[in-house]
Amino acid sequence: MAPARAGSATIEDVARAAGVSRAAVSKVIRDAYGVSPAMRERVTAAIEQLGYRPRVSARGMRGKTFTLGIEIPELSNPFFPLLLAGATAALSGSPYQLVIAPADPAHHEGYRAIQALVDRQVDGVIAVSPLVDPAWLGELSATVPVVMLGRHDRAEGYDTVVSDDEAGALLVMRHLLELGHRDIAHLTGESADPDPGSGIPQAIRLRAYRSAMREAGFGDRVSIASTPAVTANAHRAALQLLRGAERPTAIFACHDEPALGVLRAVADAGLTADDVSVAGYDGIAIAGHPGIALTTVAQDGERMGRLAVELLLERIAGRTEPRREVVAPELVVRSSTRPPRGR
């Protein structure tokens, strides 16, 4: 039988072709629990053969739009496309589409973008902005399934997917300390400093930095450069550190993007990795370029994005108990970190 024109087939046509009930087709489309692999295979084959596409208007009337929203703080950070790649891969072969909403540049917290997704009746929301109030997200999750990606919340109403930021930061610090560094500075965002006990990744990495320095016996050498819009201001903040009376021999940046700014500052100051080691956090692709060779902590952003979608689909299918997925980071050592001169 020749495939029907895309969009002309009905759910009844799919059920008849697959030899199942209309309800069974609906369960497969919704990725609901209780669908056997054999049934899923038959229904999926019928959908592809008939070119069936659920009508958005009809889905909206039934409370389903088969769209998932993901809010991201900004488009320029190369780490976020890794999350999107994982999320997109997780939806391959499903009827769901991903709707991306970047945060308003003037309001980085992400409230406006998240609310816009909800207003467009997405079936679930993945929030990436670390500054959104957990209580606000908790209220939102009472009306739409929510997964918070990247922040260490302990919530009842929504799920979380995080990197083990404490373990990752300690990997960096142990590496630098084992190389022989004693004067290690940390570059972080202004929002992380006032509340180092929060679930914000930057705050957790800052706390791990302080802890590692204290446990190594260098608590009196802690040096923190805290700056707003850390990516944009990293170069300037790093130059101030390098021109100070007590120049650090290593700088650990809270993300890879500001670490690139630190590398530029090191070069502008006429220094090399033999003078100042630089390490970042994220594992973005450009960090591995031979001309950059940045030591970093790889978070496996694709896996985090994939897990976020999987948890969201489970929520949509009816799961109510909270889930928390923690992804183990990996230290990737490159030539931007070396023993300090004289070692």
C-alpha atoms as a PDB file:
ATOM      1  CA  MET A   1       0.000   0.000   0.000  1.00  0.00           C
ATOM      2  CA  ALA A   2       1.399   3.386  -0.956  1.00  0.00           C
ATOM      3  CA  PRO A   3       2.018   5.859   1.860  1.00  0.00           C
ATOM      4  CA  ALA A   4      -0.731   8.419   2.318  1.00  0.00           C
ATOM      5  CA  ARG A   5      -0.044  12.080   1.821  1.00  0.00           C
ATOM      6  CA  ALA A   6       1.566  13.500   4.976  1.00  0.00           C
ATOM      7  CA  GLY A   7      -1.120  14.822   7.298  1.00  0.00           C
ATOM      8  CA  SER A   8      -4.088  13.189   5.498  1.00  0.00           C
ATOM      9  CA  ALA A   9      -4.162   9.973   7.540  1.00  0.00           C
ATOM     10  CA  THR A  10      -6.131   9.809  10.793  1.00  0.00           C
ATOM     11  CA  ILE A  11      -5.417   8.049  14.052  1.00  0.00           C
ATOM     12  CA  GLU A  12      -8.127   5.542  13.100  1.00  0.00           C
ATOM     13  CA  ASP A  13      -6.212   4.774   9.880  1.00  0.00           C
ATOM     14  CA  VAL A  14      -3.082   4.088  11.934  1.00  0.00           C
ATOM     15  CA  ALA A  15      -4.967   1.838  14.362  1.00  0.00           C
ATOM     16  CA  ARG A  16      -6.493  -0.138  11.479  1.00  0.00           C
ATOM     17  CA  ALA A  17      -3.132  -0.534   9.696  1.00  0.00           C
ATOM     18  CA  ALA A  18      -1.376  -1.622  12.892  1.00  0.00           C
ATOM     19  CA  GLY A  19      -4.185  -3.928  13.974  1.00  0.00           C
ATOM     20  CA  VAL A  20      -4.571  -2.235  17.361  1.00  0.00           C
ATOM     21  CA  SER A  21      -7.067   0.025  19.060  1.00  0.00           C
ATOM     22  CA  ARG A  22      -7.178   3.788  18.751  1.00  0.00           C
ATOM     23  CA  ALA A  23      -6.256   3.994  22.447  1.00  0.00           C
ATOM     24  CA  ALA A  24      -3.161   1.883  21.804  1.00  0.00           C
ATOM     25  CA  VAL A  25      -2.032   4.264  19.071  1.00  0.00           C
ATOM     26  CA  SER A  26      -2.549   7.194  21.432  1.00  0.00           C
ATOM     27  CA  LYS A  27      -0.443   5.492  24.112  1.00  0.00           C
ATOM     28  CA  VAL A  28       2.415   4.958  21.664  1.00  0.00           C
ATOM     29  CA  ILE A  29       2.261   8.566  20.483  1.00  0.00           C
ATOM     30  CA  ARG A  30       2.277   9.805  24.100  1.00  0.00           C
ATOM     31  CA  ASP A  31       5.137   7.459  24.959  1.00  0.00           C
ATOM     32  CA  ALA A  32       3.028   6.220  27.867  1.00  0.00           C
ATOM     33  CA  TYR A  33       3.834   3.365  30.189  1.00  0.00           C
ATOM     34  CA  GLY A  34       2.555  -0.133  29.420  1.00  0.00           C
ATOM     35  CA  VAL A  35       3.344  -0.233  25.696  1.00  0.00           C
ATOM     36  CA  SER A  36       5.048  -3.435  24.596  1.00  0.00           C
ATOM     37  CA  PRO A  37       7.995  -3.251  22.166  1.00  0.00           C
ATOM     38  CA  ALA A  38       6.003  -5.250  19.602  1.00  0.00           C
ATOM     39  CA  MET A  39       3.038  -2.873  19.755  1.00  0.00           C
ATOM     40  CA  ARG A  40       5.316   0.167  19.570  1.00  0.00           C
ATOM     41  CA  GLU A  41       7.019  -1.290  16.502  1.00  0.00           C
ATOM     42  CA  ARG A  42       3.713  -2.003  14.715  1.00  0.00           C
ATOM     43  CA  VAL A  43       2.257   1.408  15.464  1.00  0.00           C
ATOM     44  CA  THR A  44       5.457   3.267  14.562  1.00  0.00           C
ATOM     45  CA  ALA A  45       5.650   1.383  11.259  1.00  0.00           C
ATOM     46  CA  ALA A  46       2.039   2.280  10.464  1.00  0.00           C
ATOM     47  CA  ILE A  47       2.643   5.947  11.323  1.00  0.00           C
ATOM     48  CA  GLU A  48       5.637   6.092   9.004  1.00  0.00           C
ATOM     49  CA  GLN A  49       3.862   4.210   6.215  1.00  0.00           C
ATOM     50  CA  LEU A  50       0.777   6.417   6.337  1.00  0.00           C
ATOM     51  CA  GLY A  51       2.655   9.656   6.969  1.00  0.00           C
ATOM     52  CA  TYR A  52       0.440  10.320   9.972  1.00  0.00           C
ATOM     53  CA  ARG A  53       1.004  13.608  11.807  1.00  0.00           C
ATOM     54  CA  PRO A  54      -1.152  14.485  14.833  1.00  0.00           C
ATOM     55  CA  ARG A  55      -2.834  17.809  14.254  1.00  0.00           C
ATOM     56  CA  VAL A  56      -1.550  20.468  16.614  1.00  0.00           C
ATOM     57  CA  SER A  57      -4.950  22.083  17.006  1.00  0.00           C
ATOM     58  CA  ALA A  58      -6.601  18.812  17.952  1.00  0.00           C
ATOM     59  CA  ARG A  59      -3.794  17.939  20.346  1.00  0.00           C
ATOM     60  CA  GLY A  60      -4.101  21.327  21.988  1.00  0.00           C
ATOM     61  CA  MET A  61      -7.828  20.789  22.553  1.00  0.00           C
ATOM     62  CA  ARG A  62      -7.028  17.484  24.256  1.00  0.00           C
ATOM     63  CA  GLY A  63      -4.344  19.179  26.375  1.00  0.00           C
ATOM     64  CA  LYS A  64      -1.441  17.798  24.338  1.00  0.00           C
ATOM     65  CA  THR A  65       0.675  19.690  21.830  1.00  0.00           C
ATOM     66  CA  PHE A  66       3.551  17.189  21.571  1.00  0.00           C
ATOM     67  CA  THR A  67       6.046  19.987  22.074  1.00  0.00           C
ATOM     68  CA  LEU A  68       8.646  20.219  24.829  1.00  0.00           C
ATOM     69  CA  GLY A  69      10.123  23.563  25.766  1.00  0.00           C
ATOM     70  CA  ILE A  70      13.722  24.139  26.790  1.00  0.00           C
ATOM     71  CA  GLU A  71      14.848  27.479  28.169  1.00  0.00           C
ATOM     72  CA  ILE A  72      18.542  28.331  27.946  1.00  0.00           C
ATOM     73  CA  PRO A  73      20.318  31.369  29.410  1.00  0.00           C
ATOM     74  CA  GLU A  74      22.090  32.387  26.196  1.00  0.00           C
ATOM     75  CA  LEU A  75      22.888  31.236  22.681  1.00  0.00           C
ATOM     76  CA  SER A  76      26.575  32.139  22.601  1.00  0.00           C
ATOM     77  CA  ASN A  77      27.858  29.647  25.173  1.00  0.00           C
ATOM     78  CA  PRO A  78      29.130  26.563  23.264  1.00  0.00           C
ATOM     79  CA  PHE A  79      28.089  24.270  26.119  1.00  0.00           C
ATOM     80  CA  PHE A  80      24.373  24.760  25.530  1.00  0.00           C
ATOM     81  CA  PRO A  81      24.361  23.260  22.014  1.00  0.00           C
ATOM     82  CA  LEU A  82      25.661  20.071  23.652  1.00  0.00           C
ATOM     83  CA  LEU A  83      22.565  19.998  25.857  1.00  0.00           C
ATOM     84  CA  LEU A  84      20.351  20.644  22.846  1.00  0.00           C
ATOM     85  CA  ALA A  85      22.033  17.877  20.847  1.00  0.00           C
ATOM     86  CA  GLY A  86      21.353  15.374  23.608  1.00  0.00           C
ATOM     87  CA  ALA A  87      17.758  16.532  24.031  1.00  0.00           C
ATOM     88  CA  THR A  88      17.113  16.336  20.289  1.00  0.00           C
ATOM     89  CA  ALA A  89      18.606  12.857  20.072  1.00  0.00           C
ATOM     90  CA  ALA A  90      16.357  11.673  22.896  1.00  0.00           C
ATOM     91  CA  LEU A  91      13.293  12.748  20.891  1.00  0.00           C
ATOM     92  CA  SER A  92      14.362  10.983  17.698  1.00  0.00           C
ATOM     93  CA  GLY A  93      11.567   8.719  16.506  1.00  0.00           C
ATOM     94  CA  SER A  94       9.040  10.242  18.881  1.00  0.00           C
ATOM     95  CA  PRO A  95       6.169  12.586  17.953  1.00  0.00           C
ATOM     96  CA  TYR A  96       7.587  15.341  20.139  1.00  0.00           C
ATOM     97  CA  GLN A  97       9.294  18.493  18.898  1.00  0.00           C
ATOM     98  CA  LEU A  98      11.657  20.675  20.896  1.00  0.00           C
ATOM     99  CA  VAL A  99      10.915  24.399  21.248  1.00  0.00           C
ATOM    100  CA  ILE A 100      13.924  26.493  22.302  1.00  0.00           C
ATOM    101  CA  ALA A 101      13.476  29.726  24.250  1.00  0.00           C
ATOM    102  CA  PRO A 102      16.602  31.791  24.985  1.00  0.00           C
ATOM    103  CA  ALA A 103      16.390  33.984  28.064  1.00  0.00           C
ATOM    104  CA  ASP A 104      15.885  37.710  27.567  1.00  0.00           C
ATOM    105  CA  PRO A 105      19.388  39.282  27.563  1.00  0.00           C
ATOM    106  CA  ALA A 106      18.080  41.955  29.927  1.00  0.00           C
ATOM    107  CA  HIS A 107      16.630  39.341  32.302  1.00  0.00           C
ATOM    108  CA  HIS A 108      19.076  36.450  32.524  1.00  0.00           C
ATOM    109  CA  GLU A 109      17.090  34.709  35.270  1.00  0.00           C
ATOM    110  CA  GLY A 110      14.896  33.036  32.629  1.00  0.00           C
ATOM    111  CA  TYR A 111      11.421  33.672  34.057  1.00  0.00           C
ATOM    112  CA  ARG A 112      10.105  35.354  30.929  1.00  0.00           C
ATOM    113  CA  ALA A 113      11.339  32.625  28.576  1.00  0.00           C
ATOM    114  CA  ILE A 114       9.971  29.825  30.755  1.00  0.00           C
ATOM    115  CA  GLN A 115       6.601  31.523  31.094  1.00  0.00           C
ATOM    116  CA  ALA A 116       6.472  32.074  27.327  1.00  0.00           C
ATOM    117  CA  LEU A 117       6.899  28.332  26.797  1.00  0.00           C
ATOM    118  CA  VAL A 118       4.105  27.582  29.239  1.00  0.00           C
ATOM    119  CA  ASP A 119       1.851  30.146  27.569  1.00  0.00           C
ATOM    120  CA  ARG A 120       2.387  28.303  24.286  1.00  0.00           C
ATOM    121  CA  GLN A 121       1.059  25.134  25.933  1.00  0.00           C
ATOM    122  CA  VAL A 122       4.163  22.979  25.688  1.00  0.00           C
ATOM    123  CA  ASP A 123       3.656  19.604  27.346  1.00  0.00           C
ATOM    124  CA  GLY A 124       6.703  20.020  29.556  1.00  0.00           C
ATOM    125  CA  VAL A 125       9.555  22.415  30.325  1.00  0.00           C
ATOM    126  CA  ILE A 126      13.290  21.947  30.758  1.00  0.00           C
ATOM    127  CA  ALA A 127      14.756  24.945  32.591  1.00  0.00           C
ATOM    128  CA  VAL A 128      18.491  25.616  32.399  1.00  0.00           C
ATOM    129  CA  SER A 129      18.821  29.053  34.032  1.00  0.00           C
ATOM    130  CA  PRO A 130      20.423  28.653  37.466  1.00  0.00           C
ATOM    131  CA  LEU A 131      18.949  31.839  38.966  1.00  0.00           C
ATOM    132  CA  VAL A 132      15.269  30.908  38.731  1.00  0.00           C
ATOM    133  CA  ASP A 133      13.710  30.698  42.185  1.00  0.00           C
ATOM    134  CA  PRO A 134      13.091  27.047  43.221  1.00  0.00           C
ATOM    135  CA  ALA A 135       9.815  28.024  44.880  1.00  0.00           C
ATOM    136  CA  TRP A 136       8.603  29.581  41.635  1.00  0.00           C
ATOM    137  CA  LEU A 137       9.556  26.434  39.737  1.00  0.00           C
ATOM    138  CA  GLY A 138       7.752  24.360  42.340  1.00  0.00           C
ATOM    139  CA  GLU A 139       4.553  26.322  41.762  1.00  0.00           C
ATOM    140  CA  LEU A 140       4.985  26.029  38.008  1.00  0.00           C
ATOM    141  CA  SER A 141       5.463  22.267  38.220  1.00  0.00           C
ATOM    142  CA  ALA A 142       1.960  21.963  39.683  1.00  0.00           C
ATOM    143  CA  THR A 143       0.590  22.940  36.258  1.00  0.00           C
ATOM    144  CA  VAL A 144       3.191  21.569  33.819  1.00  0.00           C
ATOM    145  CA  PRO A 145       5.927  18.907  34.142  1.00  0.00           C
ATOM    146  CA  VAL A 146       9.328  20.489  34.803  1.00  0.00           C
ATOM    147  CA  VAL A 147      12.935  19.323  34.784  1.00  0.00           C
ATOM    148  CA  MET A 148      15.644  21.650  36.105  1.00  0.00           C
ATOM    149  CA  LEU A 149      18.909  21.045  34.307  1.00  0.00           C
ATOM    150  CA  GLY A 150      22.191  22.032  35.939  1.00  0.00           C
ATOM    151  CA  ARG A 151      21.190  23.224  39.413  1.00  0.00           C
ATOM    152  CA  HIS A 152      21.299  21.100  42.549  1.00  0.00           C
ATOM    153  CA  ASP A 153      17.734  21.499  43.802  1.00  0.00           C
ATOM    154  CA  ARG A 154      16.095  19.051  46.189  1.00  0.00           C
ATOM    155  CA  ALA A 155      12.560  19.503  44.944  1.00  0.00           C
ATOM    156  CA  GLU A 156       9.437  17.413  45.327  1.00  0.00           C
ATOM    157  CA  GLY A 157       7.492  18.778  42.376  1.00  0.00           C
ATOM    158  CA  TYR A 158      10.090  18.566  39.614  1.00  0.00           C
ATOM    159  CA  ASP A 159      13.140  16.548  38.555  1.00  0.00           C
ATOM    160  CA  THR A 160      16.778  17.614  38.324  1.00  0.00           C
ATOM    161  CA  VAL A 161      19.720  16.640  36.127  1.00  0.00           C
ATOM    162  CA  VAL A 162      23.125  17.843  37.291  1.00  0.00           C
ATOM    163  CA  SER A 163      26.826  17.327  36.887  1.00  0.00           C
ATOM    164  CA  ASP A 164      28.651  16.434  40.085  1.00  0.00           C
ATOM    165  CA  ASP A 165      30.089  19.935  40.338  1.00  0.00           C
ATOM    166  CA  GLU A 166      31.845  19.399  43.646  1.00  0.00           C
ATOM    167  CA  ALA A 167      33.656  16.311  42.363  1.00  0.00           C
ATOM    168  CA  GLY A 168      34.563  18.055  39.108  1.00  0.00           C
ATOM    169  CA  ALA A 169      35.995  21.126  40.826  1.00  0.00           C
ATOM    170  CA  LEU A 170      37.990  18.937  43.198  1.00  0.00           C
ATOM    171  CA  LEU A 171      39.428  17.077  40.196  1.00  0.00           C
ATOM    172  CA  VAL A 172      40.774  20.381  38.867  1.00  0.00           C
ATOM    173  CA  MET A 173      42.138  21.477  42.214  1.00  0.00           C
ATOM    174  CA  ARG A 174      43.872  18.175  42.933  1.00  0.00           C
ATOM    175  CA  HIS A 175      45.440  18.292  39.487  1.00  0.00           C
ATOM    176  CA  LEU A 176      46.791  21.810  40.040  1.00  0.00           C
ATOM    177  CA  LEU A 177      47.999  21.012  43.552  1.00  0.00           C
ATOM    178  CA  GLU A 178      49.737  17.838  42.367  1.00  0.00           C
ATOM    179  CA  LEU A 179      51.527  19.884  39.706  1.00  0.00           C
ATOM    180  CA  GLY A 180      52.973  21.930  42.553  1.00  0.00           C
ATOM    181  CA  HIS A 181      50.788  25.046  42.452  1.00  0.00           C
ATOM    182  CA  ARG A 182      50.190  26.869  45.714  1.00  0.00           C
ATOM    183  CA  ASP A 183      48.939  30.260  44.554  1.00  0.00           C
ATOM    184  CA  ILE A 184      45.749  29.241  42.755  1.00  0.00           C
ATOM    185  CA  ALA A 185      43.085  31.845  41.966  1.00  0.00           C
ATOM    186  CA  HIS A 186      39.461  31.133  41.130  1.00  0.00           C
ATOM    187  CA  LEU A 187      37.431  33.189  38.653  1.00  0.00           C
ATOM    188  CA  THR A 188      33.673  33.027  39.194  1.00  0.00           C
ATOM    189  CA  GLY A 189      30.456  34.921  38.607  1.00  0.00           C
ATOM    190  CA  GLU A 190      29.256  37.578  41.009  1.00  0.00           C
ATOM    191  CA  SER A 191      26.046  35.642  41.690  1.00  0.00           C
ATOM    192  CA  ALA A 192      27.987  32.688  43.121  1.00  0.00           C
ATOM    193  CA  ASP A 193      29.890  34.533  45.838  1.00  0.00           C
ATOM    194  CA  PRO A 194      27.139  35.748  48.210  1.00  0.00           C
ATOM    195  CA  ASP A 195      25.694  32.276  48.782  1.00  0.00           C
ATOM    196  CA  PRO A 196      28.327  29.555  48.328  1.00  0.00           C
ATOM    197  CA  GLY A 197      25.968  27.002  49.886  1.00  0.00           C
ATOM    198  CA  SER A 198      23.324  27.342  47.152  1.00  0.00           C
ATOM    199  CA  GLY A 199      22.642  24.824  44.426  1.00  0.00           C
ATOM    200  CA  ILE A 200      24.078  27.057  41.710  1.00  0.00           C
ATOM    201  CA  PRO A 201      26.940  25.218  39.939  1.00  0.00           C
ATOM    202  CA  GLN A 202      29.278  28.213  40.189  1.00  0.00           C
ATOM    203  CA  ALA A 203      28.678  28.391  43.942  1.00  0.00           C
ATOM    204  CA  ILE A 204      29.407  24.695  44.404  1.00  0.00           C
ATOM    205  CA  ARG A 205      32.637  24.964  42.399  1.00  0.00           C
ATOM    206  CA  LEU A 206      33.636  27.999  44.456  1.00  0.00           C
ATOM    207  CA  ARG A 207      33.003  26.100  47.675  1.00  0.00           C
ATOM    208  CA  ALA A 208      35.070  23.144  46.408  1.00  0.00           C
ATOM    209  CA  TYR A 209      37.926  25.506  45.500  1.00  0.00           C
ATOM    210  CA  ARG A 210      37.952  26.995  48.991  1.00  0.00           C
ATOM    211  CA  SER A 211      37.768  23.557  50.590  1.00  0.00           C
ATOM    212  CA  ALA A 212      40.645  22.175  48.505  1.00  0.00           C
ATOM    213  CA  MET A 213      42.859  25.162  49.295  1.00  0.00           C
ATOM    214  CA  ARG A 214      42.081  24.898  52.999  1.00  0.00           C
ATOM    215  CA  GLU A 215      42.673  21.152  53.160  1.00  0.00           C
ATOM    216  CA  ALA A 216      45.982  21.539  51.300  1.00  0.00           C
ATOM    217  CA  GLY A 217      47.110  24.036  53.925  1.00  0.00           C
ATOM    218  CA  PHE A 218      46.834  27.079  51.672  1.00  0.00           C
ATOM    219  CA  GLY A 219      43.696  28.654  53.093  1.00  0.00           C
ATOM    220  CA  ASP A 220      45.579  31.923  53.524  1.00  0.00           C
ATOM    221  CA  ARG A 221      46.331  31.969  49.788  1.00  0.00           C
ATOM    222  CA  VAL A 222      42.728  31.834  48.587  1.00  0.00           C
ATOM    223  CA  SER A 223      42.220  34.352  45.771  1.00  0.00           C
ATOM    224  CA  ILE A 224      38.763  34.848  44.267  1.00  0.00           C
ATOM    225  CA  ALA A 225      37.946  37.117  41.343  1.00  0.00           C
ATOM    226  CA  SER A 226      34.180  37.546  41.372  1.00  0.00           C
ATOM    227  CA  THR A 227      32.717  39.525  38.501  1.00  0.00           C
ATOM    228  CA  PRO A 228      29.261  40.089  36.965  1.00  0.00           C
ATOM    229  CA  ALA A 229      28.738  38.637  33.492  1.00  0.00           C
ATOM    230  CA  VAL A 230      31.805  36.499  34.082  1.00  0.00           C
ATOM    231  CA  THR A 231      32.226  35.442  30.450  1.00  0.00           C
ATOM    232  CA  ALA A 232      32.251  39.007  29.130  1.00  0.00           C
ATOM    233  CA  ASN A 233      34.475  40.289  31.934  1.00  0.00           C
ATOM    234  CA  ALA A 234      36.874  37.350  32.260  1.00  0.00           C
ATOM    235  CA  HIS A 235      39.671  38.966  30.268  1.00  0.00           C
ATOM    236  CA  ARG A 236      39.617  42.150  32.336  1.00  0.00           C
ATOM    237  CA  ALA A 237      39.338  40.284  35.644  1.00  0.00           C
ATOM    238  CA  ALA A 238      42.215  37.986  34.714  1.00  0.00           C
ATOM    239  CA  LEU A 239      44.460  40.930  33.762  1.00  0.00           C
ATOM    240  CA  GLN A 240      43.839  42.432  37.189  1.00  0.00           C
ATOM    241  CA  LEU A 241      44.918  39.167  38.803  1.00  0.00           C
ATOM    242  CA  LEU A 242      48.015  38.930  36.634  1.00  0.00           C
ATOM    243  CA  ARG A 243      49.052  42.535  37.307  1.00  0.00           C
ATOM    244  CA  GLY A 244      48.558  42.241  41.052  1.00  0.00           C
ATOM    245  CA  ALA A 245      51.356  42.240  43.589  1.00  0.00           C
ATOM    246  CA  GLU A 246      50.940  38.496  44.191  1.00  0.00           C
ATOM    247  CA  ARG A 247      50.386  36.980  40.774  1.00  0.00           C
ATOM    248  CA  PRO A 248      48.844  33.492  40.884  1.00  0.00           C
ATOM    249  CA  THR A 249      50.634  30.610  39.216  1.00  0.00           C
ATOM    250  CA  ALA A 250      47.306  29.044  38.224  1.00  0.00           C
ATOM    251  CA  ILE A 251      43.762  30.275  37.532  1.00  0.00           C
ATOM    252  CA  PHE A 252      40.744  27.968  37.691  1.00  0.00           C
ATOM    253  CA  ALA A 253      37.770  29.502  35.844  1.00  0.00           C
ATOM    254  CA  CYS A 254      34.230  28.441  36.659  1.00  0.00           C
ATOM    255  CA  HIS A 255      33.443  27.738  32.971  1.00  0.00           C
ATOM    256  CA  ASP A 256      35.355  27.174  29.748  1.00  0.00           C
ATOM    257  CA  GLU A 257      34.131  30.387  28.141  1.00  0.00           C
ATOM    258  CA  PRO A 258      35.707  32.667  30.775  1.00  0.00           C
ATOM    259  CA  ALA A 259      38.751  30.365  30.786  1.00  0.00           C
ATOM    260  CA  LEU A 260      39.290  31.357  27.145  1.00  0.00           C
ATOM    261  CA  GLY A 261      39.280  34.981  28.273  1.00  0.00           C
ATOM    262  CA  VAL A 262      41.866  34.100  30.914  1.00  0.00           C
ATOM    263  CA  LEU A 263      44.080  32.473  28.276  1.00  0.00           C
ATOM    264  CA  ARG A 264      43.887  35.662  26.205  1.00  0.00           C
ATOM    265  CA  ALA A 265      44.831  37.730  29.259  1.00  0.00           C
ATOM    266  CA  VAL A 266      47.833  35.485  29.932  1.00  0.00           C
ATOM    267  CA  ALA A 267      49.027  36.004  26.352  1.00  0.00           C
ATOM    268  CA  ASP A 268      48.366  39.763  26.481  1.00  0.00           C
ATOM    269  CA  ALA A 269      50.450  39.978  29.640  1.00  0.00           C
ATOM    270  CA  GLY A 270      53.388  38.412  27.797  1.00  0.00           C
ATOM    271  CA  LEU A 271      53.125  35.182  29.785  1.00  0.00           C
ATOM    272  CA  THR A 272      52.755  31.489  28.897  1.00  0.00           C
ATOM    273  CA  ALA A 273      51.394  28.350  30.514  1.00  0.00           C
ATOM    274  CA  ASP A 274      54.804  27.947  32.160  1.00  0.00           C
ATOM    275  CA  ASP A 275      54.049  31.161  34.052  1.00  0.00           C
ATOM    276  CA  VAL A 276      50.311  30.764  34.677  1.00  0.00           C
ATOM    277  CA  SER A 277      48.323  27.564  34.258  1.00  0.00           C
ATOM    278  CA  VAL A 278      44.676  27.902  33.234  1.00  0.00           C
ATOM    279  CA  ALA A 279      41.836  25.407  33.722  1.00  0.00           C
ATOM    280  CA  GLY A 280      38.146  25.620  32.877  1.00  0.00           C
ATOM    281  CA  TYR A 281      34.945  23.662  33.358  1.00  0.00           C
ATOM    282  CA  ASP A 282      32.423  22.355  30.789  1.00  0.00           C
ATOM    283  CA  GLY A 283      34.296  20.429  28.105  1.00  0.00           C
ATOM    284  CA  ILE A 284      33.306  22.550  25.090  1.00  0.00           C
ATOM    285  CA  ALA A 285      34.719  21.463  21.735  1.00  0.00           C
ATOM    286  CA  ILE A 286      36.964  24.488  21.167  1.00  0.00           C
ATOM    287  CA  ALA A 287      38.862  23.647  24.367  1.00  0.00           C
ATOM    288  CA  GLY A 288      40.465  20.744  22.501  1.00  0.00           C
ATOM    289  CA  HIS A 289      41.769  22.854  19.621  1.00  0.00           C
ATOM    290  CA  PRO A 290      45.577  22.451  19.408  1.00  0.00           C
ATOM    291  CA  GLY A 291      46.043  26.203  19.577  1.00  0.00           C
ATOM    292  CA  ILE A 292      44.076  26.367  22.832  1.00  0.00           C
ATOM    293  CA  ALA A 293      44.590  22.988  24.535  1.00  0.00           C
ATOM    294  CA  LEU A 294      42.600  23.959  27.627  1.00  0.00           C
ATOM    295  CA  THR A 295      42.543  21.649  30.621  1.00  0.00           C
ATOM    296  CA  THR A 296      38.890  21.305  31.550  1.00  0.00           C
ATOM    297  CA  VAL A 297      36.239  19.223  33.242  1.00  0.00           C
ATOM    298  CA  ALA A 298      33.987  17.526  30.687  1.00  0.00           C
ATOM    299  CA  GLN A 299      30.381  17.491  31.926  1.00  0.00           C
ATOM    300  CA  ASP A 300      28.959  15.303  29.133  1.00  0.00           C
ATOM    301  CA  GLY A 301      26.371  17.896  28.148  1.00  0.00           C
ATOM    302  CA  GLU A 302      24.775  15.586  25.580  1.00  0.00           C
ATOM    303  CA  ARG A 303      24.013  12.984  28.223  1.00  0.00           C
ATOM    304  CA  MET A 304      22.583  15.650  30.515  1.00  0.00           C
ATOM    305  CA  GLY A 305      20.280  16.880  27.745  1.00  0.00           C
ATOM    306  CA  ARG A 306      19.185  13.346  26.942  1.00  0.00           C
ATOM    307  CA  LEU A 307      18.443  12.527  30.577  1.00  0.00           C
ATOM    308  CA  ALA A 308      16.427  15.724  30.974  1.00  0.00           C
ATOM    309  CA  VAL A 309      14.152  14.769  28.081  1.00  0.00           C
ATOM    310  CA  GLU A 310      13.772  11.195  29.304  1.00  0.00           C
ATOM    311  CA  LEU A 311      12.739  12.388  32.756  1.00  0.00           C
ATOM    312  CA  LEU A 312      10.328  14.921  31.272  1.00  0.00           C
ATOM    313  CA  LEU A 313       8.636  12.285  29.124  1.00  0.00           C
ATOM    314  CA  GLU A 314       8.236  10.087  32.200  1.00  0.00           C
ATOM    315  CA  ARG A 315       6.602  12.993  34.008  1.00  0.00           C
ATOM    316  CA  ILE A 316       4.255  13.577  31.103  1.00  0.00           C
ATOM    317  CA  ALA A 317       3.372   9.876  31.125  1.00  0.00           C
ATOM    318  CA  GLY A 318       2.287  10.072  34.742  1.00  0.00           C
ATOM    319  CA  ARG A 319       5.237   9.629  37.088  1.00  0.00           C
ATOM    320  CA  THR A 320       4.945  11.910  40.134  1.00  0.00           C
ATOM    321  CA  GLU A 321       7.801  10.961  42.456  1.00  0.00           C
ATOM    322  CA  PRO A 322      10.870  13.231  42.076  1.00  0.00           C
ATOM    323  CA  ARG A 323      13.996  11.984  40.336  1.00  0.00           C
ATOM    324  CA  ARG A 324      17.540  13.343  40.505  1.00  0.00           C
ATOM    325  CA  GLU A 325      20.187  12.281  37.999  1.00  0.00           C
ATOM    326  CA  VAL A 326      23.851  13.079  38.699  1.00  0.00           C
ATOM    327  CA  VAL A 327      26.336  12.814  35.830  1.00  0.00           C
ATOM    328  CA  ALA A 328      29.952  12.076  36.753  1.00  0.00           C
ATOM    329  CA  PRO A 329      32.432  14.615  35.298  1.00  0.00           C
ATOM    330  CA  GLU A 330      35.815  13.788  33.782  1.00  0.00           C
ATOM    331  CA  LEU A 331      39.028  15.793  33.988  1.00  0.00           C
ATOM    332  CA  VAL A 332      40.660  16.329  30.581  1.00  0.00           C
ATOM    333  CA  VAL A 333      44.268  17.415  31.032  1.00  0.00           C
ATOM    334  CA  ARG A 334      45.890  19.446  28.255  1.00  0.00           C
ATOM    335  CA  SER A 335      48.907  21.717  27.930  1.00  0.00           C
ATOM    336  CA  SER A 336      47.302  24.829  29.464  1.00  0.00           C
ATOM    337  CA  THR A 337      48.213  23.439  32.890  1.00  0.00           C
ATOM    338  CA  ARG A 338      51.871  22.802  33.729  1.00  0.00           C
ATOM    339  CA  PRO A 339      54.056  22.732  36.841  1.00  0.00           C
ATOM    340  CA  PRO A 340      54.966  26.234  38.052  1.00  0.00           C
ATOM    341  CA  ARG A 341      58.389  27.544  37.196  1.00  0.00           C
ATOM    342  CA  GLY A 342      61.059  26.175  39.486  1.00  0.00           C
ATOM    343  CA  ARG A 343      59.307  22.849  39.982  1.00  0.00           C
END
